[in-house]
N, C-alpha and C. Protein backbone atom coordinates (compact mmCIF):
# COMPACT_ATOMS: atom_id res chain seq x y z
N UNK A 1 -20.96 -6.73 -9.50
CA UNK A 1 -20.03 -6.86 -10.38
C UNK A 1 -20.02 -5.40 -10.11
N UNK A 2 -20.71 -4.34 -9.85
CA UNK A 2 -20.94 -3.16 -9.72
C UNK A 2 -19.56 -2.45 -8.77
N UNK A 3 -20.08 -3.54 -7.39
CA UNK A 3 -18.71 -3.24 -6.12
C UNK A 3 -17.71 -3.54 -6.88
N UNK A 4 -17.71 -4.30 -7.02
CA UNK A 4 -16.04 -4.90 -7.68
C UNK A 4 -15.89 -3.72 -8.58
N UNK A 5 -16.73 -3.41 -9.51
CA UNK A 5 -15.78 -2.25 -10.76
C UNK A 5 -15.85 -0.85 -9.97
N UNK A 6 -16.11 -0.51 -8.92
CA UNK A 6 -16.15 0.37 -7.84
C UNK A 6 -14.77 0.63 -7.04
N UNK A 7 -15.00 -0.77 -6.28
CA UNK A 7 -13.47 -1.00 -5.78
C UNK A 7 -12.67 -0.72 -6.58
N UNK A 8 -12.28 -1.54 -7.73
CA UNK A 8 -11.29 -1.69 -9.07
C UNK A 8 -10.57 -0.18 -9.31
N UNK A 9 -11.66 0.42 -9.38
CA UNK A 9 -11.82 2.20 -9.76
C UNK A 9 -10.90 3.14 -8.62
N UNK A 10 -11.59 2.22 -7.15
CA UNK A 10 -10.33 2.91 -5.89
C UNK A 10 -9.12 2.64 -6.14
N UNK A 11 -9.41 1.04 -6.27
CA UNK A 11 -7.92 0.61 -5.81
C UNK A 11 -6.56 1.46 -6.89
N UNK A 12 -7.25 2.04 -8.53
CA UNK A 12 -6.14 2.97 -9.23
C UNK A 12 -6.48 3.98 -8.34
N UNK A 13 -7.17 4.88 -7.91
CA UNK A 13 -7.27 5.98 -7.41
C UNK A 13 -5.91 5.48 -6.16
N UNK A 14 -5.77 4.71 -5.35
CA UNK A 14 -4.88 4.43 -4.47
C UNK A 14 -3.76 4.44 -4.53
N UNK A 15 -3.97 3.70 -5.81
CA UNK A 15 -1.96 3.51 -6.15
C UNK A 15 -1.65 5.48 -6.75
N UNK A 16 -2.73 5.97 -7.20
CA UNK A 16 -1.42 7.29 -7.60
C UNK A 16 -2.00 8.47 -6.21
N UNK A 17 -2.38 8.29 -5.80
CA UNK A 17 -2.46 8.27 -4.27
C UNK A 17 -1.41 8.30 -3.53
N UNK A 18 -0.84 6.57 -3.69
CA UNK A 18 0.56 6.18 -2.71
C UNK A 18 1.08 7.45 -3.49
N UNK A 19 1.59 7.23 -4.64
CA UNK A 19 2.84 7.35 -6.21
C UNK A 19 3.24 9.09 -4.94
N UNK A 20 1.78 10.21 -5.18
CA UNK A 20 1.89 11.29 -4.73
C UNK A 20 2.38 11.55 -3.64
N UNK A 21 2.36 10.63 -2.41
CA UNK A 21 1.98 10.67 -1.12
C UNK A 21 3.55 10.22 -0.70
N UNK A 22 3.96 9.34 -0.80
CA UNK A 22 4.70 8.68 -0.73
C UNK A 22 6.40 9.56 -1.83
N UNK A 23 5.75 9.85 -3.04
CA UNK A 23 6.24 10.73 -3.81
C UNK A 23 6.69 11.89 -2.75
N UNK A 24 5.88 12.66 -2.69
CA UNK A 24 6.62 13.70 -1.25
C UNK A 24 7.01 13.52 -0.39
N UNK A 25 6.63 12.69 0.20
CA UNK A 25 7.02 11.96 1.45
C UNK A 25 8.43 11.81 1.21
N UNK A 26 8.74 11.22 0.69
CA UNK A 26 10.78 11.12 0.34
C UNK A 26 11.16 12.49 -0.06
N UNK A 27 10.33 12.79 -1.20
CA UNK A 27 11.10 14.27 -1.37
C UNK A 27 11.65 14.90 -0.08
N UNK A 28 10.70 15.06 0.38
CA UNK A 28 10.72 15.98 1.68
C UNK A 28 11.56 15.21 3.09
N UNK A 29 11.90 14.24 3.02
CA UNK A 29 12.68 12.90 3.14
C UNK A 29 14.30 13.79 2.94
N UNK A 30 14.22 13.80 2.06
CA UNK A 30 15.57 14.29 0.85
C UNK A 30 16.42 15.15 1.45
N UNK A 31 14.83 15.90 1.25
CA UNK A 31 15.39 17.73 1.02
C UNK A 31 15.30 18.27 2.17
N UNK A 32 14.71 17.93 3.18
CA UNK A 32 14.63 18.71 4.85
C UNK A 32 13.41 19.54 4.05
N UNK A 33 12.77 19.60 3.24
CA UNK A 33 12.08 20.39 2.89
C UNK A 33 10.39 20.24 3.74
N UNK A 34 9.70 20.49 4.22
CA UNK A 34 8.60 19.70 5.06
C UNK A 34 7.86 20.79 4.59
N UNK A 35 5.91 20.39 4.13
CA UNK A 35 4.89 21.26 4.30
C UNK A 35 4.23 20.28 5.06
N UNK A 36 3.51 20.62 5.77
CA UNK A 36 2.73 19.83 7.16
C UNK A 36 1.55 19.53 6.34
N UNK A 37 0.61 21.22 6.38
CA UNK A 37 -0.28 20.50 5.32
C UNK A 37 -0.83 19.53 4.04
N UNK A 38 0.09 19.85 2.76
CA UNK A 38 0.88 18.97 1.86
C UNK A 38 0.38 17.47 2.45
N UNK A 39 1.50 16.88 3.01
CA UNK A 39 1.67 16.08 4.67
C UNK A 39 0.21 15.33 4.35
N UNK A 40 -0.24 16.41 5.44
CA UNK A 40 -1.50 16.01 5.89
C UNK A 40 -2.57 15.58 4.81
N UNK A 41 -2.70 16.70 4.10
CA UNK A 41 -3.44 16.56 3.05
C UNK A 41 -3.45 14.79 1.61
N UNK A 42 -2.30 15.06 1.54
CA UNK A 42 -2.09 13.68 0.96
C UNK A 42 -2.20 12.70 1.83
N UNK A 43 -1.92 12.43 2.99
CA UNK A 43 -1.51 11.20 3.46
C UNK A 43 -3.60 10.69 3.78
N UNK A 44 -3.88 11.68 4.37
CA UNK A 44 -5.60 11.31 4.93
C UNK A 44 -6.24 11.06 3.35
N UNK A 45 -6.35 11.62 2.66
CA UNK A 45 -6.84 11.47 1.63
C UNK A 45 -6.21 9.80 1.23
N UNK A 46 -5.37 9.79 1.00
CA UNK A 46 -4.99 8.35 0.91
C UNK A 46 -5.41 7.31 1.50
N UNK A 47 -5.54 7.68 3.03
CA UNK A 47 -5.47 6.60 4.00
C UNK A 47 -7.51 6.80 4.21
N UNK A 48 -8.02 7.45 3.84
CA UNK A 48 -9.41 7.81 3.33
C UNK A 48 -9.73 6.70 2.46
N UNK A 49 -9.11 6.89 1.27
CA UNK A 49 -9.23 5.88 0.23
C UNK A 49 -8.90 4.55 -0.05
N UNK A 50 -7.54 4.16 1.19
CA UNK A 50 -7.38 2.60 1.79
C UNK A 50 -9.02 1.70 2.10
N UNK A 51 -9.45 2.80 3.50
CA UNK A 51 -9.97 2.49 3.93
C UNK A 51 -11.44 1.80 3.36
N UNK A 52 -11.69 2.93 2.57
CA UNK A 52 -12.91 2.69 1.42
C UNK A 52 -13.22 1.26 0.55
N UNK A 53 -11.42 1.59 -0.02
CA UNK A 53 -10.84 0.32 -0.89
C UNK A 53 -11.57 -1.12 0.04
N UNK A 54 -10.76 -0.92 1.97
CA UNK A 54 -10.60 -2.12 2.56
C UNK A 54 -12.70 -2.54 2.29
N UNK A 55 -13.49 -1.28 2.77
CA UNK A 55 -14.46 -2.03 3.18
C UNK A 55 -14.94 -2.62 2.03
N UNK A 56 -14.75 -1.82 0.38
CA UNK A 56 -15.45 -2.84 -0.71
C UNK A 56 -14.56 -3.90 -1.01
N UNK A 57 -13.75 -4.24 -0.47
CA UNK A 57 -12.76 -5.76 -0.67
C UNK A 57 -13.61 -6.32 0.50
N UNK A 58 -13.84 -6.17 1.43
CA UNK A 58 -14.91 -6.93 2.38
C UNK A 58 -15.81 -7.73 1.89
N UNK A 59 -16.62 -6.50 1.71
CA UNK A 59 -17.95 -6.78 0.86
C UNK A 59 -18.00 -7.97 0.01
N UNK A 60 -17.35 -7.21 -1.00
CA UNK A 60 -16.90 -8.69 -2.01
C UNK A 60 -16.30 -9.64 -1.76
N UNK A 61 -15.46 -9.85 -0.97
CA UNK A 61 -14.95 -11.05 -0.78
C UNK A 61 -16.09 -11.62 0.04
N UNK A 62 -15.82 -11.36 1.45
CA UNK A 62 -17.53 -11.97 1.88
C UNK A 62 -18.87 -12.03 1.38
N UNK A 63 -19.32 -10.77 0.89
CA UNK A 63 -20.20 -10.70 0.87
C UNK A 63 -21.18 -11.54 -0.53
N UNK A 64 -20.83 -10.91 -1.80
CA UNK A 64 -20.59 -11.26 -3.01
C UNK A 64 -20.32 -12.55 -3.56
N UNK A 65 -19.25 -13.03 -2.66
CA UNK A 65 -18.33 -14.33 -3.02
C UNK A 65 -19.35 -15.40 -3.40
N UNK A 66 -19.20 -15.64 -4.41
CA UNK A 66 -20.02 -17.03 -4.80
C UNK A 66 -19.04 -17.85 -5.50
N UNK A 67 -19.08 -19.06 -5.01
CA UNK A 67 -18.15 -20.01 -5.32
C UNK A 67 -17.84 -20.75 -6.61
N UNK A 68 -19.62 -20.91 -6.75
CA UNK A 68 -19.74 -21.15 -8.51
C UNK A 68 -19.44 -20.63 -9.46
N UNK A 69 -19.15 -18.93 -9.22
CA UNK A 69 -19.25 -18.40 -10.84
C UNK A 69 -17.52 -17.93 -10.50
N UNK A 70 -16.90 -18.55 -9.72
CA UNK A 70 -15.47 -17.85 -9.35
C UNK A 70 -14.59 -18.66 -10.47
N UNK A 71 -13.72 -18.26 -11.32
CA UNK A 71 -13.31 -18.94 -12.38
C UNK A 71 -12.29 -18.87 -11.36
N UNK A 72 -11.62 -18.69 -10.79
CA UNK A 72 -10.75 -19.98 -9.95
C UNK A 72 -10.91 -20.58 -8.70
N UNK A 73 -11.14 -21.77 -8.43
CA UNK A 73 -12.16 -22.45 -7.44
C UNK A 73 -10.58 -22.35 -6.45
N UNK A 74 -9.79 -22.65 -6.41
CA UNK A 74 -8.33 -22.46 -5.25
C UNK A 74 -8.18 -20.86 -5.35
N UNK A 75 -7.86 -20.63 -4.56
CA UNK A 75 -6.55 -19.75 -3.94
C UNK A 75 -5.09 -19.82 -4.73
N UNK A 76 -4.91 -18.79 -5.24
CA UNK A 76 -3.26 -18.85 -5.81
C UNK A 76 -2.47 -18.12 -4.45
N UNK A 77 -1.23 -18.31 -4.27
CA UNK A 77 -0.81 -17.62 -4.13
C UNK A 77 -0.42 -15.95 -4.44
N UNK A 78 -0.57 -15.56 -5.02
CA UNK A 78 -1.10 -13.91 -5.06
C UNK A 78 -2.14 -13.73 -4.83
N UNK A 79 -3.16 -14.25 -4.86
CA UNK A 79 -4.34 -14.16 -3.78
C UNK A 79 -4.15 -14.19 -2.16
N UNK A 80 -3.35 -14.91 -1.81
CA UNK A 80 -3.04 -15.06 -0.55
C UNK A 80 -2.34 -14.18 -0.01
N UNK A 81 -0.85 -13.42 -0.81
CA UNK A 81 0.01 -12.70 -0.38
C UNK A 81 -0.47 -11.03 -0.86
N UNK A 82 -1.91 -11.23 -1.69
CA UNK A 82 -2.49 -10.25 -1.60
C UNK A 82 -3.76 -9.93 -0.02
N UNK A 83 -4.11 -10.22 0.43
CA UNK A 83 -5.18 -10.26 1.51
C UNK A 83 -4.66 -9.99 2.10
N UNK A 84 -3.52 -11.00 2.69
CA UNK A 84 -2.77 -10.97 3.81
C UNK A 84 -1.93 -9.44 3.39
N UNK A 85 -1.55 -8.81 2.66
CA UNK A 85 -0.90 -7.82 2.50
C UNK A 85 -1.30 -6.62 3.57
N UNK A 86 -2.47 -6.68 2.92
CA UNK A 86 -3.77 -5.90 2.64
C UNK A 86 -4.07 -5.73 4.60
N UNK A 87 -4.70 -6.95 5.13
CA UNK A 87 -4.50 -6.88 6.58
C UNK A 87 -3.30 -6.15 7.10
N UNK A 88 -2.31 -6.96 6.93
CA UNK A 88 -1.31 -6.22 7.54
C UNK A 88 -1.10 -4.49 7.00
N UNK A 89 -1.67 -3.87 6.09
CA UNK A 89 -1.23 -3.04 5.60
C UNK A 89 -2.34 -1.99 6.77
N UNK A 90 -3.34 -2.53 6.82
CA UNK A 90 -4.85 -2.00 7.66
C UNK A 90 -4.41 -1.76 9.06
N UNK A 91 -3.46 -3.00 9.86
CA UNK A 91 -3.25 -3.13 11.10
C UNK A 91 -2.09 -1.93 11.48
N UNK A 92 -1.00 -2.14 10.53
CA UNK A 92 0.17 -1.36 10.66
C UNK A 92 -0.21 0.66 10.32
N UNK A 93 -1.50 0.68 9.57
CA UNK A 93 -1.98 2.13 9.29
C UNK A 93 -2.06 3.14 10.45
N UNK A 94 -2.48 2.63 11.67
CA UNK A 94 -2.30 4.01 12.52
C UNK A 94 -1.39 4.09 14.02
N UNK A 95 -0.60 3.60 12.65
CA UNK A 95 0.86 3.43 13.57
C UNK A 95 1.91 3.96 13.01
N UNK A 96 0.90 3.61 11.71
CA UNK A 96 1.73 4.90 9.90
C UNK A 96 1.52 6.31 10.63
N UNK A 97 0.39 6.40 10.63
CA UNK A 97 0.11 7.98 10.29
C UNK A 97 0.23 8.37 11.78
N UNK A 98 0.54 8.44 12.93
CA UNK A 98 1.03 8.33 14.35
C UNK A 98 2.79 8.34 14.73
N UNK A 99 3.52 7.65 13.44
CA UNK A 99 5.07 7.01 13.87
C UNK A 99 5.74 8.01 14.06
N UNK A 100 5.35 9.74 13.14
CA UNK A 100 6.67 10.31 13.31
C UNK A 100 6.51 10.64 15.37
N UNK A 101 5.26 10.92 15.63
CA UNK A 101 4.48 11.55 17.34
C UNK A 101 5.39 10.21 17.81
N UNK A 102 5.09 8.88 17.87
CA UNK A 102 5.97 7.75 18.32
C UNK A 102 7.39 8.16 18.52
N UNK A 103 7.79 8.09 17.31
CA UNK A 103 9.55 8.25 16.93
C UNK A 103 10.17 9.56 18.10
N UNK A 104 9.37 10.42 17.74
CA UNK A 104 9.84 11.62 18.89
C UNK A 104 9.74 11.44 20.53
N UNK A 105 9.36 10.74 20.26
CA UNK A 105 8.67 10.23 22.14
C UNK A 105 9.48 8.52 22.41
N UNK A 106 10.29 8.21 21.24
CA UNK A 106 10.80 6.93 21.87
C UNK A 106 12.21 7.11 21.65
N UNK A 107 12.94 8.25 20.84
CA UNK A 107 14.37 8.07 20.60
C UNK A 107 15.31 7.78 21.15
N UNK A 108 16.06 7.27 20.91
CA UNK A 108 16.78 6.29 21.83
C UNK A 108 17.21 5.35 22.74
N UNK A 109 15.11 4.32 22.29
CA UNK A 109 15.07 3.66 22.94
C UNK A 109 14.75 2.23 22.29
N UNK A 110 14.81 1.13 22.98
CA UNK A 110 14.26 -0.12 22.14
C UNK A 110 12.93 0.08 21.64
N UNK A 111 12.10 1.10 22.04
CA UNK A 111 10.94 1.17 20.96
C UNK A 111 11.65 1.74 19.44
N UNK A 112 11.94 2.01 19.98
CA UNK A 112 12.06 3.22 18.29
C UNK A 112 12.16 2.81 17.20
N UNK A 113 13.40 1.34 17.38
CA UNK A 113 13.32 -0.04 16.60
C UNK A 113 11.98 -0.51 16.33
N UNK A 114 11.57 -0.57 17.52
CA UNK A 114 10.05 -1.67 17.24
C UNK A 114 9.81 -0.42 16.37
N UNK A 115 9.54 0.61 16.15
CA UNK A 115 8.48 1.29 15.38
C UNK A 115 8.82 1.48 13.92
N UNK A 116 9.99 1.64 14.11
CA UNK A 116 10.92 1.60 12.74
C UNK A 116 10.71 0.51 11.98
N UNK A 117 10.86 -0.88 12.56
CA UNK A 117 10.76 -2.21 12.33
C UNK A 117 9.18 -2.63 11.69
N UNK A 118 8.18 -1.74 12.28
CA UNK A 118 6.29 -2.24 11.83
C UNK A 118 6.69 -1.00 10.40
N UNK A 119 7.40 0.56 10.52
CA UNK A 119 7.58 0.96 9.20
C UNK A 119 7.57 0.31 7.99
N UNK A 120 8.42 -0.40 7.85
CA UNK A 120 9.46 -1.04 7.18
C UNK A 120 8.06 -2.33 6.64
N UNK A 121 7.75 -3.06 7.69
CA UNK A 121 6.45 -4.00 7.36
C UNK A 121 5.30 -3.47 6.76
N UNK A 122 4.89 -2.02 7.27
CA UNK A 122 4.15 -1.40 6.61
C UNK A 122 4.39 -0.46 4.69
N UNK A 123 5.50 -0.85 4.91
CA UNK A 123 5.60 -0.29 2.94
C UNK A 123 5.88 -1.31 2.49
N UNK A 124 6.63 -2.86 3.52
CA UNK A 124 6.01 -3.73 2.47
C UNK A 124 5.28 -4.61 2.00
N UNK A 125 4.23 -4.53 3.12
CA UNK A 125 2.87 -4.93 2.91
C UNK A 125 2.21 -4.37 1.33
N UNK A 126 2.43 -2.71 1.92
CA UNK A 126 2.19 -2.01 0.98
C UNK A 126 2.20 -2.16 -0.53
N UNK A 127 3.49 -1.99 -0.61
CA UNK A 127 3.89 -2.39 -2.13
C UNK A 127 3.58 -3.88 -2.36
N UNK A 128 3.76 -4.64 -1.55
CA UNK A 128 3.83 -6.35 -2.02
C UNK A 128 2.11 -6.00 -2.22
N UNK A 129 0.96 -5.58 -1.73
CA UNK A 129 -0.57 -5.84 -1.75
C UNK A 129 -0.62 -4.53 -3.28
N UNK A 130 0.23 -3.65 -3.81
CA UNK A 130 -0.32 -3.08 -5.29
C UNK A 130 0.53 -3.98 -6.34
N UNK A 131 2.22 -4.55 -5.99
CA UNK A 131 1.95 -5.88 -6.79
C UNK A 131 1.28 -6.73 -7.34
N UNK A 132 0.58 -6.87 -6.32
CA UNK A 132 -0.23 -8.36 -6.12
C UNK A 132 -1.68 -7.78 -7.20
N UNK A 133 -2.04 -6.19 -6.79
CA UNK A 133 -3.56 -5.82 -7.42
C UNK A 133 -3.59 -5.47 -8.39
N UNK A 134 -2.41 -4.91 -8.75
CA UNK A 134 -2.85 -4.18 -9.90
C UNK A 134 -3.52 -4.58 -10.96
N UNK A 135 -2.83 -5.50 -12.14
CA UNK A 135 -3.23 -5.44 -12.51
C UNK A 135 -5.19 -7.04 -12.61
N UNK A 136 -5.19 -7.11 -11.42
CA UNK A 136 -6.38 -7.30 -11.26
C UNK A 136 -7.48 -6.13 -11.56
N UNK A 137 -7.47 -5.07 -11.00
CA UNK A 137 -8.14 -4.00 -11.32
C UNK A 137 -8.12 -4.04 -12.61
N UNK A 138 -7.49 -3.78 -13.18
CA UNK A 138 -7.52 -3.17 -14.40
C UNK A 138 -8.11 -4.56 -15.42
N UNK A 139 -8.29 -5.83 -15.17
CA UNK A 139 -8.98 -6.83 -15.85
C UNK A 139 -9.98 -6.52 -15.31
N UNK A 140 -10.55 -6.37 -13.58
CA UNK A 140 -12.31 -5.82 -13.53
C UNK A 140 -13.23 -5.51 -14.47
N UNK A 141 -12.02 -3.79 -14.72
CA UNK A 141 -12.63 -2.78 -15.19
C UNK A 141 -12.76 -3.34 -16.98
N UNK A 142 -12.20 -4.02 -17.54
CA UNK A 142 -12.32 -4.26 -18.83
C UNK A 142 -10.68 -4.10 -19.48
N UNK A 143 -9.99 -3.34 -18.80
CA UNK A 143 -8.95 -2.77 -19.41
C UNK A 143 -7.83 -3.62 -20.46
N UNK A 144 -8.20 -4.65 -19.24
CA UNK A 144 -6.77 -5.74 -19.99
C UNK A 144 -7.15 -6.77 -20.08
N UNK A 145 -6.64 -8.07 -20.67
CA UNK A 145 -7.12 -9.59 -21.48
C UNK A 145 -6.71 -10.24 -21.57
N UNK A 146 -5.49 -10.00 -22.18
CA UNK A 146 -4.35 -10.76 -22.50
C UNK A 146 -3.49 -11.18 -21.38
N UNK A 147 -3.43 -12.48 -21.55
CA UNK A 147 -2.51 -13.02 -20.33
C UNK A 147 -1.26 -12.85 -20.08
N UNK A 148 -0.26 -12.90 -21.52
CA UNK A 148 0.96 -12.26 -21.81
C UNK A 148 1.12 -10.63 -20.76
N UNK A 149 0.18 -10.18 -21.11
CA UNK A 149 0.54 -8.61 -20.96
C UNK A 149 0.36 -8.48 -19.69
N UNK A 150 -0.37 -8.99 -19.48
CA UNK A 150 -0.48 -9.88 -18.02
C UNK A 150 0.70 -9.98 -17.24
N UNK A 151 1.19 -10.66 -17.48
CA UNK A 151 2.28 -11.52 -16.52
C UNK A 151 3.34 -10.23 -17.16
N UNK A 152 3.68 -9.76 -18.03
CA UNK A 152 4.86 -8.79 -17.93
C UNK A 152 4.23 -7.95 -17.20
N UNK A 153 3.34 -7.07 -17.19
CA UNK A 153 2.71 -6.06 -16.50
C UNK A 153 3.16 -6.38 -15.01
N UNK A 154 2.57 -7.47 -14.03
CA UNK A 154 2.96 -8.27 -12.99
C UNK A 154 4.47 -8.37 -12.70
N UNK A 155 5.41 -8.28 -13.80
CA UNK A 155 7.13 -8.75 -13.34
C UNK A 155 7.60 -7.33 -13.49
N UNK A 156 6.97 -6.12 -14.30
CA UNK A 156 7.54 -4.79 -14.11
C UNK A 156 6.87 -4.38 -13.31
N UNK A 157 5.50 -4.52 -12.86
CA UNK A 157 4.74 -4.37 -11.30
C UNK A 157 6.09 -4.59 -10.02
N UNK A 158 6.04 -5.29 -10.13
CA UNK A 158 6.67 -6.29 -9.02
C UNK A 158 7.94 -5.48 -8.87
N UNK A 159 8.87 -5.13 -10.25
CA UNK A 159 10.47 -4.45 -9.98
C UNK A 159 10.18 -3.01 -9.57
N UNK A 160 8.93 -2.14 -10.02
CA UNK A 160 8.82 -1.19 -9.41
C UNK A 160 8.53 -1.14 -8.29
N UNK A 161 7.96 -1.91 -7.68
CA UNK A 161 7.46 -1.84 -6.22
C UNK A 161 8.43 -2.36 -4.99
N UNK A 162 9.29 -2.53 -5.88
CA UNK A 162 10.40 -3.43 -5.19
C UNK A 162 11.64 -2.44 -5.11
N UNK A 163 11.94 -1.96 -5.86
CA UNK A 163 12.34 -0.52 -5.99
C UNK A 163 11.50 0.36 -4.98
N UNK A 164 10.10 0.51 -4.74
CA UNK A 164 10.67 2.19 -4.66
C UNK A 164 9.67 1.87 -2.71
N UNK A 165 10.12 0.00 -2.66
CA UNK A 165 9.21 -0.34 -1.38
C UNK A 165 11.18 0.49 -0.58
N UNK A 166 12.30 -0.08 -1.43
CA UNK A 166 13.08 0.02 -0.86
C UNK A 166 14.10 1.92 -0.76
N UNK A 167 13.91 2.42 -2.04
CA UNK A 167 13.94 3.68 -1.41
C UNK A 167 13.12 4.47 -0.74
N UNK A 168 12.05 3.75 -0.47
CA UNK A 168 10.98 4.53 0.29
C UNK A 168 11.93 4.24 2.00
N UNK A 169 12.03 2.81 2.22
CA UNK A 169 12.30 2.50 3.28
C UNK A 169 13.26 3.21 4.02
N UNK A 170 14.68 3.28 3.24
CA UNK A 170 16.18 3.47 3.15
C UNK A 170 16.08 4.52 3.65
N UNK A 171 15.02 5.55 2.61
CA UNK A 171 15.33 7.10 2.90
C UNK A 171 14.68 7.63 4.34
N UNK A 172 13.25 6.84 4.29
CA UNK A 172 12.83 7.41 5.77
C UNK A 172 13.43 6.62 6.89
N UNK A 173 13.43 5.99 6.92
CA UNK A 173 14.63 5.10 7.86
C UNK A 173 15.63 5.42 8.82
N UNK A 174 16.61 6.30 7.28
CA UNK A 174 18.15 6.72 7.70
C UNK A 174 17.23 8.67 8.23
N UNK A 175 16.75 8.51 7.57
CA UNK A 175 16.10 10.27 7.87
C UNK A 175 16.16 10.50 9.18
N UNK A 176 15.37 9.26 9.59
CA UNK A 176 14.68 9.10 10.82
C UNK A 176 15.73 9.20 11.91
N UNK A 177 16.92 8.21 11.66
CA UNK A 177 17.88 7.93 12.03
C UNK A 177 18.49 9.58 12.40
N UNK A 178 18.64 9.88 11.58
CA UNK A 178 19.32 11.51 11.29
C UNK A 178 18.44 12.35 12.18
N UNK A 179 17.39 12.34 12.32
CA UNK A 179 16.13 13.36 13.48
C UNK A 179 16.73 12.86 14.71
N UNK A 180 16.36 11.50 15.30
CA UNK A 180 16.07 11.33 16.20
C UNK A 180 17.47 10.56 16.92
N UNK A 181 18.90 9.98 16.05
CA UNK A 181 19.49 9.44 16.44
C UNK A 181 20.42 9.91 17.05
């Protein structure tokens, strides 16, 4: 259970790191004020937290999973989306980290649009994962027990993550078009 609690703490830290990193990047793309040090520190910190979270998640799902003590015998759609979004996000993380350099090298080609499509898929998987996982972390830490509150928080979070996905995707891809188009 310790690993699950540490993983829940890491996931909440990741959410705050996501908010900071995407908030700064969106601000930088809108204002064209870019601080490469702030971008790198926030991005690599977030990537490190995500990788640690992924490692603990794999350990807790595969090494510590005991179906006899699990309250949910079957996977529900939220769990399936949570795991698929995590896998997609991890697969696309290296592309996301090096996307600006890749976009520079592919400006005006079909590869440019493919990279942008992968970026949008990365943002979709990131925000989907947050929306599907946040209340689970709160439950694991014992901070949320009421199922009605959980459902309300889930709905609000889904709306917030959808808006953040749209803002992030539209801002960054439209700015890329201005820069490279």
